[in-house]
N, C-alpha and C. Protein backbone atom coordinates (compact mmCIF):
# COMPACT_ATOMS: atom_id res chain seq x y z
N MET A 1 0.82 -1.18 0.00
CA MET A 1 0.00 0.00 0.00
C MET A 1 0.88 1.27 0.00
N VAL A 2 1.90 1.27 0.83
CA VAL A 2 2.79 2.44 0.91
C VAL A 2 3.48 2.66 -0.43
N ALA A 3 3.95 1.59 -1.04
CA ALA A 3 4.62 1.72 -2.34
C ALA A 3 3.67 2.30 -3.38
N GLY A 4 2.43 1.87 -3.38
CA GLY A 4 1.44 2.39 -4.31
C GLY A 4 1.17 3.88 -4.10
N LEU A 5 1.06 4.28 -2.85
CA LEU A 5 0.85 5.69 -2.53
C LEU A 5 2.06 6.54 -2.92
N TYR A 6 3.24 6.01 -2.68
CA TYR A 6 4.47 6.71 -3.05
C TYR A 6 4.52 6.92 -4.56
N ARG A 7 4.23 5.85 -5.31
CA ARG A 7 4.26 5.93 -6.77
C ARG A 7 3.26 6.98 -7.26
N ARG A 8 2.04 6.95 -6.72
CA ARG A 8 1.01 7.89 -7.15
C ARG A 8 1.42 9.33 -6.85
N THR A 9 2.00 9.55 -5.68
CA THR A 9 2.47 10.88 -5.30
C THR A 9 3.56 11.36 -6.26
N MET A 10 4.50 10.49 -6.57
CA MET A 10 5.59 10.86 -7.49
C MET A 10 5.04 11.15 -8.88
N GLU A 11 4.14 10.32 -9.37
CA GLU A 11 3.58 10.53 -10.70
C GLU A 11 2.81 11.83 -10.77
N GLU A 12 2.06 12.15 -9.72
CA GLU A 12 1.32 13.41 -9.70
C GLU A 12 2.28 14.60 -9.62
N GLY A 13 3.33 14.46 -8.85
CA GLY A 13 4.31 15.54 -8.70
C GLY A 13 5.12 15.79 -9.95
N PHE A 14 5.51 14.74 -10.64
CA PHE A 14 6.32 14.87 -11.85
C PHE A 14 5.48 15.07 -13.10
N GLY A 15 4.20 14.72 -13.02
CA GLY A 15 3.34 14.73 -14.20
C GLY A 15 3.27 16.05 -14.93
N GLY A 16 3.30 17.18 -14.21
CA GLY A 16 3.17 18.48 -14.85
C GLY A 16 4.48 19.14 -15.21
N LEU A 17 5.59 18.49 -14.97
CA LEU A 17 6.89 19.10 -15.26
C LEU A 17 7.15 19.23 -16.76
N THR A 18 7.72 20.36 -17.15
CA THR A 18 8.13 20.54 -18.54
C THR A 18 9.64 20.69 -18.67
N GLU A 19 10.31 20.97 -17.56
CA GLU A 19 11.75 21.19 -17.58
C GLU A 19 12.40 20.52 -16.37
N LEU A 20 13.50 19.83 -16.62
CA LEU A 20 14.30 19.24 -15.55
C LEU A 20 15.67 19.91 -15.60
N ARG A 21 16.06 20.55 -14.49
CA ARG A 21 17.35 21.25 -14.42
C ARG A 21 18.19 20.63 -13.31
N TYR A 22 19.31 20.04 -13.73
CA TYR A 22 20.27 19.45 -12.81
C TYR A 22 21.66 19.97 -13.18
N ASP A 23 21.77 21.27 -13.37
CA ASP A 23 23.03 21.87 -13.77
C ASP A 23 23.87 22.27 -12.55
N HIS A 24 25.17 22.36 -12.75
CA HIS A 24 26.13 22.82 -11.73
C HIS A 24 26.08 21.98 -10.44
N LEU A 25 25.88 20.68 -10.55
CA LEU A 25 25.78 19.84 -9.36
C LEU A 25 27.03 18.99 -9.11
N GLY A 26 27.95 18.99 -10.05
CA GLY A 26 29.14 18.16 -9.90
C GLY A 26 28.85 16.68 -10.06
N TRP A 27 27.75 16.36 -10.74
CA TRP A 27 27.36 14.96 -10.91
C TRP A 27 28.29 14.22 -11.85
N GLY A 28 28.42 12.92 -11.58
CA GLY A 28 29.14 12.02 -12.45
C GLY A 28 28.18 10.97 -12.98
N ASP A 29 28.75 9.88 -13.47
CA ASP A 29 27.95 8.81 -14.08
C ASP A 29 26.92 8.21 -13.13
N ALA A 30 27.30 7.97 -11.89
CA ALA A 30 26.39 7.30 -10.94
C ALA A 30 25.14 8.14 -10.68
N GLU A 31 25.31 9.42 -10.49
CA GLU A 31 24.17 10.29 -10.20
C GLU A 31 23.24 10.43 -11.41
N VAL A 32 23.83 10.56 -12.59
CA VAL A 32 23.02 10.69 -13.80
C VAL A 32 22.29 9.37 -14.10
N ALA A 33 22.98 8.24 -13.89
CA ALA A 33 22.33 6.94 -14.08
C ALA A 33 21.17 6.76 -13.11
N GLU A 34 21.33 7.25 -11.89
CA GLU A 34 20.24 7.16 -10.90
C GLU A 34 19.05 8.02 -11.32
N LEU A 35 19.33 9.21 -11.86
CA LEU A 35 18.26 10.06 -12.37
C LEU A 35 17.51 9.35 -13.49
N MET A 36 18.25 8.74 -14.42
CA MET A 36 17.61 8.03 -15.53
C MET A 36 16.76 6.86 -15.03
N ALA A 37 17.23 6.16 -14.00
CA ALA A 37 16.45 5.05 -13.42
C ALA A 37 15.17 5.58 -12.78
N THR A 38 15.25 6.71 -12.12
CA THR A 38 14.06 7.32 -11.52
C THR A 38 13.06 7.70 -12.60
N LEU A 39 13.54 8.24 -13.70
CA LEU A 39 12.65 8.64 -14.78
C LEU A 39 12.00 7.45 -15.46
N ARG A 40 12.61 6.28 -15.37
CA ARG A 40 11.98 5.06 -15.89
C ARG A 40 10.78 4.67 -15.03
N GLU A 41 10.89 4.91 -13.73
CA GLU A 41 9.82 4.55 -12.80
C GLU A 41 8.72 5.59 -12.73
N VAL A 42 9.06 6.83 -12.94
CA VAL A 42 8.09 7.93 -12.84
C VAL A 42 8.02 8.62 -14.20
N PRO A 43 7.01 8.30 -14.99
CA PRO A 43 6.89 8.88 -16.33
C PRO A 43 6.82 10.41 -16.29
N CYS A 44 7.52 11.02 -17.21
CA CYS A 44 7.55 12.49 -17.32
C CYS A 44 7.26 12.87 -18.76
N ALA A 45 6.09 12.53 -19.24
CA ALA A 45 5.74 12.72 -20.64
C ALA A 45 5.77 14.18 -21.08
N GLY A 46 5.57 15.12 -20.16
CA GLY A 46 5.52 16.53 -20.52
C GLY A 46 6.86 17.24 -20.54
N VAL A 47 7.94 16.55 -20.17
CA VAL A 47 9.26 17.19 -20.11
C VAL A 47 9.76 17.47 -21.52
N VAL A 48 10.05 18.74 -21.79
CA VAL A 48 10.55 19.14 -23.10
C VAL A 48 12.00 19.63 -23.04
N SER A 49 12.52 19.87 -21.83
CA SER A 49 13.87 20.40 -21.69
C SER A 49 14.60 19.70 -20.54
N LEU A 50 15.82 19.24 -20.82
CA LEU A 50 16.67 18.60 -19.81
C LEU A 50 18.01 19.32 -19.79
N ASP A 51 18.37 19.85 -18.63
CA ASP A 51 19.62 20.58 -18.48
C ASP A 51 20.52 19.85 -17.49
N LEU A 52 21.59 19.29 -18.00
CA LEU A 52 22.62 18.63 -17.17
C LEU A 52 23.96 19.34 -17.33
N SER A 53 23.93 20.59 -17.73
CA SER A 53 25.16 21.33 -18.00
C SER A 53 26.02 21.50 -16.74
N TRP A 54 27.30 21.69 -16.98
CA TRP A 54 28.28 21.94 -15.92
C TRP A 54 28.41 20.78 -14.93
N ASN A 55 28.13 19.58 -15.35
CA ASN A 55 28.39 18.39 -14.54
C ASN A 55 29.65 17.76 -15.13
N GLU A 56 30.77 18.31 -14.74
CA GLU A 56 32.04 17.99 -15.36
C GLU A 56 32.56 16.59 -15.04
N GLU A 57 31.94 15.89 -14.10
CA GLU A 57 32.36 14.53 -13.77
C GLU A 57 31.62 13.48 -14.60
N LEU A 58 30.59 13.89 -15.34
CA LEU A 58 29.86 12.98 -16.21
C LEU A 58 30.79 12.55 -17.34
N ARG A 59 31.00 11.23 -17.46
CA ARG A 59 31.95 10.72 -18.43
C ARG A 59 31.32 9.87 -19.53
N SER A 60 30.45 8.98 -19.16
CA SER A 60 29.97 7.96 -20.08
C SER A 60 28.55 8.23 -20.58
N GLY A 61 28.38 8.09 -21.87
CA GLY A 61 27.04 8.18 -22.45
C GLY A 61 26.13 7.09 -21.93
N GLU A 62 26.70 6.00 -21.44
CA GLU A 62 25.89 4.91 -20.89
C GLU A 62 25.07 5.38 -19.69
N ALA A 63 25.58 6.32 -18.94
CA ALA A 63 24.83 6.87 -17.81
C ALA A 63 23.57 7.57 -18.28
N LEU A 64 23.59 8.05 -19.53
CA LEU A 64 22.46 8.75 -20.12
C LEU A 64 21.53 7.84 -20.93
N ALA A 65 21.77 6.55 -20.90
CA ALA A 65 21.02 5.62 -21.77
C ALA A 65 19.51 5.73 -21.60
N GLY A 66 19.03 6.04 -20.41
CA GLY A 66 17.60 6.15 -20.17
C GLY A 66 16.94 7.37 -20.78
N ILE A 67 17.74 8.22 -21.41
CA ILE A 67 17.20 9.45 -21.99
C ILE A 67 16.17 9.17 -23.08
N GLY A 68 16.26 8.03 -23.71
CA GLY A 68 15.34 7.66 -24.78
C GLY A 68 13.89 7.57 -24.36
N GLN A 69 13.65 7.47 -23.06
CA GLN A 69 12.27 7.37 -22.58
C GLN A 69 11.59 8.74 -22.49
N LEU A 70 12.34 9.82 -22.59
CA LEU A 70 11.77 11.17 -22.54
C LEU A 70 11.36 11.58 -23.95
N THR A 71 10.35 10.91 -24.47
CA THR A 71 9.99 11.03 -25.89
C THR A 71 9.53 12.42 -26.31
N GLY A 72 9.10 13.26 -25.38
CA GLY A 72 8.68 14.62 -25.73
C GLY A 72 9.80 15.64 -25.67
N LEU A 73 11.01 15.18 -25.35
CA LEU A 73 12.15 16.08 -25.16
C LEU A 73 12.46 16.85 -26.44
N ARG A 74 12.61 18.18 -26.31
CA ARG A 74 12.95 19.03 -27.45
C ARG A 74 14.35 19.62 -27.33
N ARG A 75 14.83 19.77 -26.08
CA ARG A 75 16.15 20.38 -25.85
C ARG A 75 16.92 19.59 -24.80
N ILE A 76 18.20 19.38 -25.09
CA ILE A 76 19.13 18.78 -24.13
C ILE A 76 20.32 19.72 -24.02
N ASN A 77 20.68 20.07 -22.79
CA ASN A 77 21.85 20.91 -22.56
C ASN A 77 22.87 20.10 -21.78
N LEU A 78 23.96 19.75 -22.45
CA LEU A 78 25.08 19.05 -21.81
C LEU A 78 26.35 19.90 -21.88
N SER A 79 26.18 21.19 -22.06
CA SER A 79 27.34 22.06 -22.19
C SER A 79 28.21 22.00 -20.94
N VAL A 80 29.49 22.12 -21.15
CA VAL A 80 30.51 22.11 -20.12
C VAL A 80 30.50 20.80 -19.31
N CYS A 81 30.09 19.73 -19.93
CA CYS A 81 30.31 18.39 -19.38
C CYS A 81 31.62 17.94 -20.03
N THR A 82 32.70 18.53 -19.57
CA THR A 82 34.00 18.44 -20.24
C THR A 82 34.58 17.03 -20.29
N SER A 83 34.14 16.13 -19.42
CA SER A 83 34.67 14.77 -19.40
C SER A 83 33.83 13.79 -20.21
N LEU A 84 32.69 14.24 -20.71
CA LEU A 84 31.78 13.37 -21.46
C LEU A 84 32.46 12.86 -22.73
N THR A 85 32.52 11.54 -22.88
CA THR A 85 33.21 10.95 -24.03
C THR A 85 32.27 10.41 -25.10
N SER A 86 30.98 10.22 -24.76
CA SER A 86 30.06 9.67 -25.74
C SER A 86 28.62 10.02 -25.38
N LEU A 87 27.74 9.83 -26.36
CA LEU A 87 26.30 9.95 -26.15
C LEU A 87 25.69 8.57 -26.39
N PRO A 88 24.59 8.25 -25.75
CA PRO A 88 24.00 6.92 -25.93
C PRO A 88 23.26 6.80 -27.27
N ASP A 89 23.20 5.60 -27.81
CA ASP A 89 22.44 5.35 -29.03
C ASP A 89 20.96 5.63 -28.83
N THR A 90 20.48 5.53 -27.60
CA THR A 90 19.06 5.74 -27.32
C THR A 90 18.61 7.17 -27.62
N ILE A 91 19.55 8.06 -27.86
CA ILE A 91 19.19 9.43 -28.21
C ILE A 91 18.40 9.44 -29.52
N GLY A 92 18.59 8.44 -30.34
CA GLY A 92 17.87 8.34 -31.61
C GLY A 92 16.38 8.13 -31.46
N ARG A 93 15.92 7.80 -30.26
CA ARG A 93 14.48 7.61 -30.01
C ARG A 93 13.74 8.93 -29.78
N LEU A 94 14.47 10.01 -29.66
CA LEU A 94 13.88 11.30 -29.30
C LEU A 94 13.40 12.04 -30.55
N SER A 95 12.30 11.60 -31.10
CA SER A 95 11.82 12.12 -32.39
C SER A 95 11.43 13.60 -32.34
N ALA A 96 11.15 14.16 -31.18
CA ALA A 96 10.78 15.57 -31.06
C ALA A 96 11.99 16.47 -30.81
N LEU A 97 13.17 15.89 -30.62
CA LEU A 97 14.36 16.66 -30.25
C LEU A 97 14.75 17.66 -31.34
N LYS A 98 14.86 18.92 -30.93
CA LYS A 98 15.22 19.99 -31.87
C LYS A 98 16.62 20.54 -31.64
N GLU A 99 17.10 20.46 -30.39
CA GLU A 99 18.37 21.12 -30.07
C GLU A 99 19.19 20.33 -29.06
N ILE A 100 20.49 20.20 -29.34
CA ILE A 100 21.44 19.58 -28.42
C ILE A 100 22.59 20.56 -28.22
N ASN A 101 22.85 20.92 -26.97
CA ASN A 101 23.96 21.81 -26.67
C ASN A 101 25.11 20.99 -26.09
N LEU A 102 26.19 20.89 -26.85
CA LEU A 102 27.38 20.15 -26.44
C LEU A 102 28.60 21.07 -26.37
N MET A 103 28.36 22.34 -26.16
CA MET A 103 29.44 23.32 -26.09
C MET A 103 30.42 22.97 -24.97
N TYR A 104 31.69 22.99 -25.26
CA TYR A 104 32.78 22.69 -24.33
C TYR A 104 32.80 21.24 -23.86
N CYS A 105 32.20 20.35 -24.60
CA CYS A 105 32.29 18.91 -24.29
C CYS A 105 33.53 18.39 -25.01
N ARG A 106 34.67 18.77 -24.50
CA ARG A 106 35.94 18.52 -25.18
C ARG A 106 36.35 17.06 -25.20
N GLY A 107 35.78 16.23 -24.33
CA GLY A 107 36.10 14.80 -24.32
C GLY A 107 35.29 14.00 -25.33
N LEU A 108 34.31 14.63 -25.93
CA LEU A 108 33.43 13.93 -26.88
C LEU A 108 34.17 13.65 -28.17
N ALA A 109 34.32 12.37 -28.48
CA ALA A 109 35.09 11.96 -29.65
C ALA A 109 34.23 11.84 -30.90
N SER A 110 32.97 11.45 -30.74
CA SER A 110 32.09 11.28 -31.89
C SER A 110 30.64 11.30 -31.44
N LEU A 111 29.75 11.35 -32.40
CA LEU A 111 28.32 11.30 -32.13
C LEU A 111 27.80 9.94 -32.56
N PRO A 112 26.78 9.41 -31.88
CA PRO A 112 26.26 8.10 -32.27
C PRO A 112 25.56 8.16 -33.63
N ASP A 113 25.58 7.05 -34.35
CA ASP A 113 24.92 6.98 -35.65
C ASP A 113 23.43 7.30 -35.55
N SER A 114 22.84 6.96 -34.41
CA SER A 114 21.40 7.16 -34.24
C SER A 114 20.99 8.63 -34.29
N ILE A 115 21.96 9.53 -34.20
CA ILE A 115 21.63 10.96 -34.26
C ILE A 115 21.06 11.31 -35.63
N GLY A 116 21.39 10.52 -36.62
CA GLY A 116 20.85 10.73 -37.96
C GLY A 116 19.36 10.42 -38.07
N GLN A 117 18.80 9.76 -37.07
CA GLN A 117 17.37 9.43 -37.07
C GLN A 117 16.52 10.57 -36.53
N LEU A 118 17.13 11.63 -36.06
CA LEU A 118 16.41 12.73 -35.42
C LEU A 118 15.92 13.72 -36.48
N SER A 119 14.75 13.46 -37.02
CA SER A 119 14.23 14.26 -38.12
C SER A 119 13.86 15.68 -37.71
N ALA A 120 13.55 15.92 -36.45
CA ALA A 120 13.19 17.27 -35.99
C ALA A 120 14.40 18.10 -35.60
N LEU A 121 15.59 17.48 -35.52
CA LEU A 121 16.79 18.16 -35.04
C LEU A 121 17.14 19.35 -35.94
N GLN A 122 17.30 20.52 -35.31
CA GLN A 122 17.61 21.74 -36.03
C GLN A 122 18.98 22.30 -35.66
N LYS A 123 19.46 21.99 -34.43
CA LYS A 123 20.69 22.64 -33.99
C LYS A 123 21.50 21.72 -33.08
N ILE A 124 22.79 21.59 -33.38
CA ILE A 124 23.74 20.94 -32.49
C ILE A 124 24.86 21.95 -32.26
N ASN A 125 25.02 22.36 -31.01
CA ASN A 125 26.07 23.33 -30.68
C ASN A 125 27.30 22.55 -30.25
N LEU A 126 28.34 22.59 -31.07
CA LEU A 126 29.60 21.90 -30.80
C LEU A 126 30.74 22.89 -30.58
N GLN A 127 30.43 24.10 -30.22
CA GLN A 127 31.45 25.13 -30.02
C GLN A 127 32.50 24.66 -29.01
N ASP A 128 33.75 24.83 -29.35
CA ASP A 128 34.90 24.45 -28.53
C ASP A 128 34.86 23.00 -28.14
């Protein structure tokens, strides 16, 4: 019963969100992976913007693998995630995605092939 009430409370609380901001937190892979796991349990269909900028300890795109479940996402900000070396293939599931900010992601060696599946994509900021 408690688990059911907790789930309902979380779904009601997250249900109206349009933006998730987790910038300047010093997060690494473990924290971002935990956020993605939480988002799997608590649907956030209305989220259109995700900001994880300035989390310079984030290294692996695998920590972001759950991002594909945010199907309404239009903007992702990963700027100044200087240690980030890759993006997950699941990014290709984000059919509404219009903008990706990867400014100062100096560790990023390449983009996943699935990025070519993003028909709504209008802007990728790769400055520096």
